[in-house]
Amino acid sequence: MTLEKHDLHHEFPEFTDEIHHLKLNDNHFARLFTEYHEIDHEVNRIEQGVENTSDEYLEGKKKQRLKLKDKLFVMLKKVQIPA
């Protein structure tokens, strides 16, 4: 089974520069980015069968990931990278 990639660079390829800029210059974004990344890896391990858990737990993690992605997207749309 092929699993979709959900890391932010695959989710928002048009925001590569903004992601990099915010990771370096915005502590709140960097913390949310790290949290998103950790949850995404956990979901991937569960979906690959490396970790066993209940369907409810997996769905909860996917919902967490989606909420974080929405917050990060809002931040990405607002960023102005200095020239």
N, C-alpha and C. Protein backbone atom coordinates (compact mmCIF):
# COMPACT_ATOMS: atom_id res chain seq x y z
N MET A 1 0.84 -1.18 0.00
CA MET A 1 0.00 0.00 0.00
C MET A 1 0.88 1.24 0.00
N THR A 2 0.58 2.19 -0.88
CA THR A 2 1.31 3.44 -0.96
C THR A 2 0.64 4.46 -0.05
N LEU A 3 1.44 5.07 0.81
CA LEU A 3 0.91 6.06 1.73
C LEU A 3 1.19 7.46 1.21
N GLU A 4 0.22 8.35 1.38
CA GLU A 4 0.39 9.73 0.97
C GLU A 4 1.34 10.43 1.93
N LYS A 5 2.11 11.36 1.39
CA LYS A 5 2.99 12.16 2.24
C LYS A 5 2.21 13.38 2.70
N HIS A 6 2.29 13.64 4.00
CA HIS A 6 1.58 14.78 4.56
C HIS A 6 2.50 15.80 5.20
N ASP A 7 3.81 15.68 4.98
CA ASP A 7 4.68 16.70 5.55
C ASP A 7 4.37 18.03 4.87
N LEU A 8 4.68 19.12 5.55
CA LEU A 8 4.26 20.43 5.05
C LEU A 8 4.85 20.78 3.70
N HIS A 9 6.03 20.30 3.39
CA HIS A 9 6.63 20.61 2.09
C HIS A 9 5.86 19.93 0.96
N HIS A 10 5.25 18.79 1.21
CA HIS A 10 4.41 18.14 0.20
C HIS A 10 3.01 18.73 0.19
N GLU A 11 2.51 19.12 1.35
CA GLU A 11 1.18 19.71 1.44
C GLU A 11 1.12 21.09 0.82
N PHE A 12 2.18 21.88 1.02
CA PHE A 12 2.22 23.26 0.53
C PHE A 12 3.51 23.55 -0.22
N PRO A 13 3.72 22.93 -1.37
CA PRO A 13 4.99 23.15 -2.09
C PRO A 13 5.18 24.61 -2.52
N GLU A 14 4.10 25.35 -2.66
CA GLU A 14 4.20 26.75 -3.07
C GLU A 14 4.69 27.66 -1.94
N PHE A 15 4.79 27.13 -0.73
CA PHE A 15 5.21 27.91 0.43
C PHE A 15 6.57 27.47 0.98
N THR A 16 7.41 26.90 0.16
CA THR A 16 8.71 26.41 0.62
C THR A 16 9.54 27.50 1.28
N ASP A 17 9.63 28.66 0.63
CA ASP A 17 10.41 29.76 1.19
C ASP A 17 9.81 30.28 2.49
N GLU A 18 8.48 30.36 2.52
CA GLU A 18 7.79 30.85 3.71
C GLU A 18 7.98 29.89 4.90
N ILE A 19 7.91 28.60 4.63
CA ILE A 19 8.12 27.60 5.68
C ILE A 19 9.51 27.77 6.27
N HIS A 20 10.51 27.86 5.40
CA HIS A 20 11.88 28.02 5.85
C HIS A 20 12.04 29.30 6.67
N HIS A 21 11.51 30.39 6.15
CA HIS A 21 11.61 31.68 6.84
C HIS A 21 10.97 31.62 8.23
N LEU A 22 9.76 31.08 8.32
CA LEU A 22 9.06 31.05 9.60
C LEU A 22 9.73 30.09 10.59
N LYS A 23 10.25 28.98 10.11
CA LYS A 23 10.94 28.05 11.01
C LYS A 23 12.14 28.74 11.69
N LEU A 24 12.78 29.63 10.97
CA LEU A 24 13.96 30.32 11.50
C LEU A 24 13.62 31.56 12.32
N ASN A 25 12.48 32.20 12.03
CA ASN A 25 12.20 33.51 12.60
C ASN A 25 10.96 33.61 13.47
N ASP A 26 10.20 32.55 13.59
CA ASP A 26 8.97 32.60 14.37
C ASP A 26 8.91 31.37 15.28
N ASN A 27 9.16 31.59 16.56
CA ASN A 27 9.20 30.46 17.50
C ASN A 27 7.88 29.72 17.59
N HIS A 28 6.77 30.45 17.52
CA HIS A 28 5.46 29.80 17.59
C HIS A 28 5.26 28.88 16.38
N PHE A 29 5.58 29.38 15.19
CA PHE A 29 5.48 28.56 13.99
C PHE A 29 6.39 27.34 14.10
N ALA A 30 7.61 27.55 14.56
CA ALA A 30 8.57 26.45 14.66
C ALA A 30 8.06 25.37 15.61
N ARG A 31 7.43 25.78 16.73
CA ARG A 31 6.89 24.81 17.68
C ARG A 31 5.72 24.03 17.06
N LEU A 32 4.81 24.75 16.38
CA LEU A 32 3.69 24.07 15.72
C LEU A 32 4.18 23.15 14.60
N PHE A 33 5.19 23.61 13.86
CA PHE A 33 5.77 22.80 12.79
C PHE A 33 6.32 21.49 13.35
N THR A 34 7.06 21.58 14.45
CA THR A 34 7.63 20.39 15.08
C THR A 34 6.54 19.46 15.57
N GLU A 35 5.51 20.01 16.19
CA GLU A 35 4.40 19.19 16.68
C GLU A 35 3.70 18.50 15.51
N TYR A 36 3.47 19.24 14.43
CA TYR A 36 2.85 18.66 13.24
C TYR A 36 3.70 17.52 12.70
N HIS A 37 4.99 17.75 12.60
CA HIS A 37 5.93 16.77 12.06
C HIS A 37 5.92 15.49 12.91
N GLU A 38 5.90 15.64 14.23
CA GLU A 38 5.91 14.47 15.13
C GLU A 38 4.60 13.67 15.00
N ILE A 39 3.48 14.37 14.94
CA ILE A 39 2.20 13.68 14.78
C ILE A 39 2.13 12.99 13.42
N ASP A 40 2.61 13.65 12.38
CA ASP A 40 2.61 13.06 11.05
C ASP A 40 3.44 11.78 11.03
N HIS A 41 4.59 11.78 11.67
CA HIS A 41 5.41 10.56 11.72
C HIS A 41 4.71 9.45 12.50
N GLU A 42 4.05 9.80 13.59
CA GLU A 42 3.33 8.79 14.35
C GLU A 42 2.21 8.18 13.52
N VAL A 43 1.46 9.01 12.81
CA VAL A 43 0.38 8.51 11.95
C VAL A 43 0.95 7.59 10.88
N ASN A 44 2.07 7.99 10.28
CA ASN A 44 2.70 7.16 9.25
C ASN A 44 3.12 5.80 9.80
N ARG A 45 3.71 5.78 11.00
CA ARG A 45 4.13 4.51 11.60
C ARG A 45 2.92 3.61 11.86
N ILE A 46 1.83 4.20 12.33
CA ILE A 46 0.62 3.42 12.58
C ILE A 46 0.06 2.86 11.27
N GLU A 47 -0.01 3.71 10.25
CA GLU A 47 -0.55 3.27 8.97
C GLU A 47 0.32 2.21 8.31
N GLN A 48 1.61 2.22 8.57
CA GLN A 48 2.52 1.21 8.01
C GLN A 48 2.52 -0.07 8.81
N GLY A 49 1.85 -0.07 9.96
CA GLY A 49 1.80 -1.26 10.79
C GLY A 49 2.96 -1.41 11.74
N VAL A 50 3.81 -0.39 11.83
CA VAL A 50 4.95 -0.43 12.74
C VAL A 50 4.46 -0.34 14.19
N GLU A 51 3.41 0.44 14.39
CA GLU A 51 2.80 0.59 15.71
C GLU A 51 1.34 0.14 15.61
N ASN A 52 0.88 -0.52 16.66
CA ASN A 52 -0.52 -0.93 16.71
C ASN A 52 -1.27 -0.04 17.67
N THR A 53 -2.47 0.35 17.28
CA THR A 53 -3.31 1.19 18.12
C THR A 53 -4.75 1.05 17.67
N SER A 54 -5.64 1.66 18.39
CA SER A 54 -7.05 1.59 18.02
C SER A 54 -7.35 2.55 16.87
N ASP A 55 -8.41 2.27 16.16
CA ASP A 55 -8.84 3.16 15.08
C ASP A 55 -9.19 4.54 15.62
N GLU A 56 -9.77 4.58 16.81
CA GLU A 56 -10.15 5.85 17.42
C GLU A 56 -8.91 6.71 17.70
N TYR A 57 -7.86 6.08 18.19
CA TYR A 57 -6.62 6.80 18.48
C TYR A 57 -6.04 7.38 17.19
N LEU A 58 -6.00 6.56 16.14
CA LEU A 58 -5.47 7.00 14.85
C LEU A 58 -6.29 8.17 14.31
N GLU A 59 -7.60 8.07 14.38
CA GLU A 59 -8.46 9.15 13.89
C GLU A 59 -8.23 10.43 14.70
N GLY A 60 -8.04 10.29 16.00
CA GLY A 60 -7.75 11.45 16.84
C GLY A 60 -6.46 12.14 16.42
N LYS A 61 -5.44 11.34 16.13
CA LYS A 61 -4.15 11.90 15.69
C LYS A 61 -4.30 12.59 14.33
N LYS A 62 -5.07 12.00 13.45
CA LYS A 62 -5.30 12.62 12.13
C LYS A 62 -6.02 13.96 12.29
N LYS A 63 -6.95 14.04 13.22
CA LYS A 63 -7.67 15.30 13.47
C LYS A 63 -6.73 16.34 14.05
N GLN A 64 -5.85 15.92 14.96
CA GLN A 64 -4.84 16.84 15.51
C GLN A 64 -3.96 17.38 14.39
N ARG A 65 -3.52 16.48 13.53
CA ARG A 65 -2.65 16.87 12.41
C ARG A 65 -3.35 17.89 11.52
N LEU A 66 -4.63 17.66 11.24
CA LEU A 66 -5.38 18.56 10.38
C LEU A 66 -5.55 19.94 11.02
N LYS A 67 -5.84 19.98 12.32
CA LYS A 67 -5.97 21.27 13.01
C LYS A 67 -4.66 22.04 12.98
N LEU A 68 -3.56 21.34 13.20
CA LEU A 68 -2.25 22.00 13.14
C LEU A 68 -1.96 22.49 11.73
N LYS A 69 -2.29 21.68 10.74
CA LYS A 69 -2.05 22.08 9.35
C LYS A 69 -2.83 23.35 9.03
N ASP A 70 -4.07 23.43 9.50
CA ASP A 70 -4.88 24.63 9.26
C ASP A 70 -4.24 25.86 9.90
N LYS A 71 -3.76 25.73 11.14
CA LYS A 71 -3.11 26.85 11.83
C LYS A 71 -1.84 27.28 11.09
N LEU A 72 -1.06 26.30 10.67
CA LEU A 72 0.19 26.61 9.96
C LEU A 72 -0.10 27.27 8.62
N PHE A 73 -1.14 26.83 7.93
CA PHE A 73 -1.50 27.40 6.64
C PHE A 73 -1.88 28.87 6.79
N VAL A 74 -2.65 29.19 7.82
CA VAL A 74 -3.02 30.58 8.06
C VAL A 74 -1.76 31.43 8.26
N MET A 75 -0.83 30.91 9.03
CA MET A 75 0.42 31.64 9.27
C MET A 75 1.23 31.81 7.98
N LEU A 76 1.25 30.77 7.17
CA LEU A 76 2.00 30.82 5.92
C LEU A 76 1.41 31.86 4.96
N LYS A 77 0.10 31.98 4.92
CA LYS A 77 -0.54 32.93 4.01
C LYS A 77 -0.25 34.37 4.43
N LYS A 78 0.02 34.61 5.71
CA LYS A 78 0.23 35.98 6.21
C LYS A 78 1.68 36.46 6.12
N VAL A 79 2.60 35.52 5.96
CA VAL A 79 4.01 35.90 6.06
C VAL A 79 4.45 36.79 4.88
N GLN A 80 5.26 37.78 5.21
CA GLN A 80 5.89 38.64 4.21
C GLN A 80 7.39 38.46 4.38
N ILE A 81 8.02 37.83 3.41
CA ILE A 81 9.46 37.61 3.49
C ILE A 81 10.18 38.89 3.04
N PRO A 82 11.07 39.42 3.90
CA PRO A 82 11.80 40.62 3.51
C PRO A 82 12.69 40.38 2.31
N ALA A 83 12.76 41.35 1.46
CA ALA A 83 13.58 41.23 0.24
C ALA A 83 15.04 41.40 0.52
